[in-house]
Amino acid sequence: MDNFQIETAQNISIEQNIAGIGERILAFIVDATIIAAYFIIALVVMGAVGESSTMMMYMVLGLPALLYFILWESLWNGKTPGKALLQIQVVRKDGSRPSFSNYLVRWLLRIIDISLSSGAVAVVCILFNGKGQRLGDIAAGTTVINLRRKYSISSTLMTEVSKNYVPKYPQVTVLSDKDIQEVKALYTRARSRNEHHIILNLSDRLAEVLDVRFEERPMEFVKRVIDDYNYYTQQ
């Protein structure tokens, strides 16, 4: 599947991996298996206690199955047991956590996406949308991402710094490992593609976040921030 751009808390654009259609189908199968297992266990228990009223059957069997996805996703940060097993998660298009209203909209449209069409509408939308969205996601402004982000060796966090290295910006310690990972991934990609405007925007944003004024060239400044962070975190 393609990637899509999200904005970090520092307003830095990065690419986020979209969950593949196969992963989403497998996650659904896992969740459907859990629901089916619950049905069987509940029927056995109800049969054992002699309960057969229509209302009780609906409450014990129908309601949990009906609310399964919205309850799990809203209470477990966009994941169901199936999604957790496949390491995928529902997020908003900007990468942030959805609100309950987002989960509600995508849950309501499951009727069209999955129930009435046996999943055909969802599959077609996901394949042709390009952002991993079924109808419910489009309406809710959400998508499903793969949590197993893939970094090349050059974009990993740790970078060797010499023993004689002298850091310049102690303010880099306000950043997190994730921030630097994202900065380095963006810096490496922009440098390899000669996208100087991205390096310039990145350096300006880092200077603003760190509250510093730099005298180096933008590319050198970004590299210095990465190296300084590694220096302080390796001490």
Protein backbone atom coordinates (compact mmCIF):
# COMPACT_ATOMS: atom_id res chain seq x y z
CA MET A 1 0.00 0.00 0.00
CA ASP A 2 1.04 3.62 -0.43
CA ASN A 3 2.14 5.92 2.35
CA PHE A 4 0.52 9.20 3.27
CA GLN A 5 1.80 12.40 4.84
CA ILE A 6 1.01 13.35 8.44
CA GLU A 7 2.15 16.26 10.58
CA THR A 8 4.03 15.65 13.83
CA ALA A 9 3.62 17.79 16.93
CA GLN A 10 6.52 19.87 15.60
CA ASN A 11 4.71 20.42 12.27
CA ILE A 12 7.20 18.22 10.43
CA SER A 13 5.75 16.19 7.57
CA ILE A 14 6.56 12.47 7.64
CA GLU A 15 5.24 9.44 5.85
CA GLN A 16 3.00 6.99 7.67
CA ASN A 17 2.59 3.39 6.54
CA ILE A 18 -0.95 2.49 5.50
CA ALA A 19 -2.16 -0.94 6.56
CA GLY A 20 -2.45 -3.35 3.65
CA ILE A 21 -5.79 -4.77 2.55
CA GLY A 22 -4.59 -8.25 3.48
CA GLU A 23 -3.75 -7.16 7.02
CA ARG A 24 -7.17 -5.59 7.44
CA ILE A 25 -8.94 -8.69 6.16
CA LEU A 26 -6.93 -10.95 8.48
CA ALA A 27 -7.69 -8.64 11.43
CA PHE A 28 -11.39 -8.83 10.57
CA ILE A 29 -11.23 -12.63 10.41
CA VAL A 30 -9.63 -12.73 13.87
CA ASP A 31 -12.32 -10.44 15.28
CA ALA A 32 -15.09 -12.43 13.56
CA THR A 33 -13.65 -15.63 15.06
CA ILE A 34 -13.73 -14.07 18.53
CA ILE A 35 -17.36 -13.02 18.03
CA ALA A 36 -18.28 -16.52 16.80
CA ALA A 37 -16.53 -18.13 19.79
CA TYR A 38 -18.45 -15.81 22.10
CA PHE A 39 -21.72 -16.82 20.40
CA ILE A 40 -21.01 -20.51 20.97
CA ILE A 41 -20.01 -20.07 24.61
CA ALA A 42 -23.00 -17.82 25.33
CA LEU A 43 -25.43 -20.27 23.70
CA VAL A 44 -24.01 -23.15 25.72
CA VAL A 45 -24.29 -21.17 28.96
CA MET A 46 -27.83 -19.98 28.18
CA GLY A 47 -28.86 -23.51 27.28
CA ALA A 48 -27.41 -24.82 30.52
CA VAL A 49 -29.40 -22.34 32.61
CA GLY A 50 -32.55 -22.83 30.53
CA GLU A 51 -32.76 -19.23 29.32
CA SER A 52 -34.50 -18.85 25.93
CA SER A 53 -36.40 -15.55 25.96
CA THR A 54 -36.04 -13.42 22.84
CA MET A 55 -35.06 -10.31 24.76
CA MET A 56 -32.36 -12.12 26.70
CA MET A 57 -31.03 -13.72 23.52
CA TYR A 58 -30.79 -10.28 21.92
CA MET A 59 -29.10 -8.73 24.96
CA VAL A 60 -26.60 -11.53 25.47
CA LEU A 61 -25.87 -12.43 21.84
CA GLY A 62 -26.82 -9.53 19.61
CA LEU A 63 -25.75 -6.47 21.56
CA PRO A 64 -22.11 -7.46 22.25
CA ALA A 65 -21.61 -8.46 18.60
CA LEU A 66 -23.24 -5.25 17.40
CA LEU A 67 -21.09 -3.03 19.61
CA TYR A 68 -17.88 -5.10 19.36
CA PHE A 69 -15.94 -2.85 16.99
CA ILE A 70 -16.94 0.57 18.30
CA LEU A 71 -16.33 -0.42 21.91
CA TRP A 72 -12.93 -1.97 21.29
CA GLU A 73 -11.69 0.83 19.00
CA SER A 74 -12.92 3.70 21.16
CA LEU A 75 -11.64 2.16 24.41
CA TRP A 76 -8.37 0.71 23.08
CA ASN A 77 -6.97 3.59 21.03
CA GLY A 78 -8.20 2.48 17.61
CA LYS A 79 -7.51 -1.23 18.02
CA THR A 80 -9.51 -4.42 18.31
CA PRO A 81 -7.95 -7.76 19.28
CA GLY A 82 -7.61 -8.55 15.56
CA LYS A 83 -5.99 -5.19 14.79
CA ALA A 84 -3.66 -5.52 17.76
CA LEU A 85 -2.56 -8.97 16.62
CA LEU A 86 -1.82 -7.64 13.12
CA GLN A 87 -0.28 -4.46 14.60
CA ILE A 88 -2.60 -2.07 12.81
CA GLN A 89 -4.57 0.84 14.25
CA VAL A 90 -7.25 3.37 13.37
CA VAL A 91 -5.98 6.97 13.38
CA ARG A 92 -7.13 10.30 12.01
CA LYS A 93 -5.64 11.39 8.70
CA ASP A 94 -3.22 13.71 10.52
CA GLY A 95 -1.96 10.79 12.59
CA SER A 96 -3.69 11.86 15.82
CA ARG A 97 -6.04 9.81 17.95
CA PRO A 98 -9.66 9.81 16.71
CA SER A 99 -12.49 11.10 18.89
CA PHE A 100 -15.51 8.98 19.76
CA SER A 101 -17.47 10.72 17.00
CA ASN A 102 -14.89 9.53 14.44
CA TYR A 103 -15.24 5.96 15.64
CA LEU A 104 -19.03 6.29 15.65
CA VAL A 105 -19.20 7.46 12.02
CA ARG A 106 -16.98 4.67 10.70
CA TRP A 107 -18.92 2.14 12.81
CA LEU A 108 -22.28 3.29 11.44
CA LEU A 109 -21.04 3.02 7.85
CA ARG A 110 -19.91 -0.58 8.45
CA ILE A 111 -23.49 -1.42 7.40
CA ILE A 112 -22.69 -0.31 3.84
CA ASP A 113 -18.98 -1.08 3.79
CA ILE A 114 -19.12 -4.59 5.20
CA SER A 115 -22.51 -5.89 6.35
CA LEU A 116 -24.70 -5.30 3.26
CA SER A 117 -21.95 -5.82 0.70
CA SER A 118 -20.05 -8.63 2.45
CA GLY A 119 -17.02 -6.33 2.54
CA ALA A 120 -16.92 -5.70 -1.23
CA VAL A 121 -17.54 -1.96 -0.92
CA ALA A 122 -14.80 -1.63 1.71
CA VAL A 123 -12.27 -3.57 -0.39
CA VAL A 124 -12.96 -1.53 -3.54
CA CYS A 125 -12.74 1.78 -1.66
CA ILE A 126 -9.49 0.83 0.07
CA LEU A 127 -7.87 -0.34 -3.17
CA PHE A 128 -8.83 2.73 -5.20
CA ASN A 129 -8.73 5.43 -2.52
CA GLY A 130 -4.95 5.34 -2.08
CA LYS A 131 -5.10 6.37 1.60
CA GLY A 132 -6.31 3.12 3.13
CA GLN A 133 -9.85 4.39 3.58
CA ARG A 134 -13.16 2.63 3.24
CA LEU A 135 -16.38 4.70 3.09
CA GLY A 136 -16.55 4.89 6.87
CA ASP A 137 -12.97 6.19 7.03
CA ILE A 138 -13.59 8.80 4.35
CA ALA A 139 -16.66 10.08 6.19
CA ALA A 140 -14.92 9.99 9.58
CA GLY A 141 -11.59 11.44 8.39
CA THR A 142 -9.70 8.35 9.54
CA THR A 143 -7.52 5.63 8.09
CA VAL A 144 -5.80 2.46 9.31
CA ILE A 145 -2.03 2.40 9.66
CA ASN A 146 0.59 -0.29 10.13
CA LEU A 147 2.37 0.20 13.45
CA ARG A 148 5.44 -1.66 12.22
CA ARG A 149 7.14 1.41 10.72
CA LYS A 150 9.97 0.40 8.44
CA TYR A 151 13.20 2.39 8.62
CA SER A 152 16.28 1.83 6.56
CA ILE A 153 19.59 1.51 8.39
CA SER A 154 20.40 5.10 7.50
CA SER A 155 17.27 6.37 9.24
CA THR A 156 17.72 4.60 12.58
CA LEU A 157 18.14 6.75 15.64
CA MET A 158 21.60 5.94 16.90
CA THR A 159 24.53 7.58 15.12
CA GLU A 160 28.15 7.17 16.07
CA VAL A 161 29.75 10.33 17.45
CA SER A 162 33.44 10.59 18.15
CA LYS A 163 34.79 10.77 21.69
CA ASN A 164 36.13 14.23 20.95
CA TYR A 165 32.80 15.50 19.65
CA VAL A 166 31.80 18.88 21.09
CA PRO A 167 28.01 19.49 21.12
CA LYS A 168 26.67 22.94 20.38
CA TYR A 169 22.95 22.83 21.17
CA PRO A 170 22.12 21.38 24.62
CA GLN A 171 18.50 22.38 23.92
CA VAL A 172 18.14 19.22 21.80
CA THR A 173 17.31 17.29 24.97
CA VAL A 174 13.79 18.74 24.86
CA LEU A 175 13.18 16.49 21.87
CA SER A 176 12.18 12.85 22.18
CA ASP A 177 13.64 9.78 20.48
CA LYS A 178 10.61 9.73 18.20
CA ASP A 179 11.13 13.39 17.25
CA ILE A 180 14.75 12.77 16.26
CA GLN A 181 13.81 9.57 14.42
CA GLU A 182 11.33 11.57 12.34
CA VAL A 183 13.77 14.44 11.81
CA LYS A 184 16.50 12.07 10.66
CA ALA A 185 14.18 10.15 8.33
CA LEU A 186 13.02 13.38 6.72
CA TYR A 187 16.57 14.80 6.56
CA THR A 188 17.98 11.64 4.97
CA ARG A 189 15.25 11.43 2.37
CA ALA A 190 15.41 15.14 1.49
CA ARG A 191 19.19 15.03 1.20
CA SER A 192 19.12 12.00 -1.10
CA ARG A 193 16.55 13.70 -3.33
CA ASN A 194 18.22 17.15 -3.24
CA GLU A 195 15.03 18.61 -1.79
CA HIS A 196 16.70 21.70 -0.34
CA HIS A 197 13.41 23.45 0.39
CA ILE A 198 12.49 20.66 2.81
CA ILE A 199 15.84 20.96 4.58
CA LEU A 200 15.30 24.72 4.84
CA ASN A 201 11.81 24.33 6.31
CA LEU A 202 13.04 21.64 8.67
CA SER A 203 15.93 23.75 9.94
CA ASP A 204 13.68 26.76 10.50
CA ARG A 205 11.17 24.66 12.43
CA LEU A 206 13.89 23.05 14.56
CA ALA A 207 15.35 26.46 15.37
CA GLU A 208 11.91 27.61 16.47
CA VAL A 209 11.25 24.53 18.62
CA LEU A 210 14.72 24.67 20.24
CA ASP A 211 14.58 28.46 20.52
CA VAL A 212 18.02 28.93 18.97
CA ARG A 213 19.56 30.94 16.16
CA PHE A 214 21.98 29.01 13.97
CA GLU A 215 24.84 30.30 11.85
CA GLU A 216 25.53 27.11 9.90
CA ARG A 217 23.96 26.26 6.60
CA PRO A 218 20.51 24.67 7.09
CA MET A 219 21.78 21.20 6.15
CA GLU A 220 24.68 21.45 8.57
CA PHE A 221 22.38 22.71 11.33
CA VAL A 222 19.97 19.79 11.01
CA LYS A 223 22.87 17.33 11.00
CA ARG A 224 24.31 19.07 14.07
CA VAL A 225 20.99 18.73 15.92
CA ILE A 226 20.89 15.00 15.17
CA ASP A 227 24.51 14.52 16.26
CA ASP A 228 24.07 16.63 19.40
CA TYR A 229 21.03 14.61 20.41
CA ASN A 230 22.94 11.36 19.98
CA TYR A 231 25.85 12.79 21.97
CA TYR A 232 23.69 13.72 24.97
CA THR A 233 21.62 10.54 24.95
CA GLN A 234 24.70 8.30 24.74
CA GLN A 235 26.39 9.85 27.75
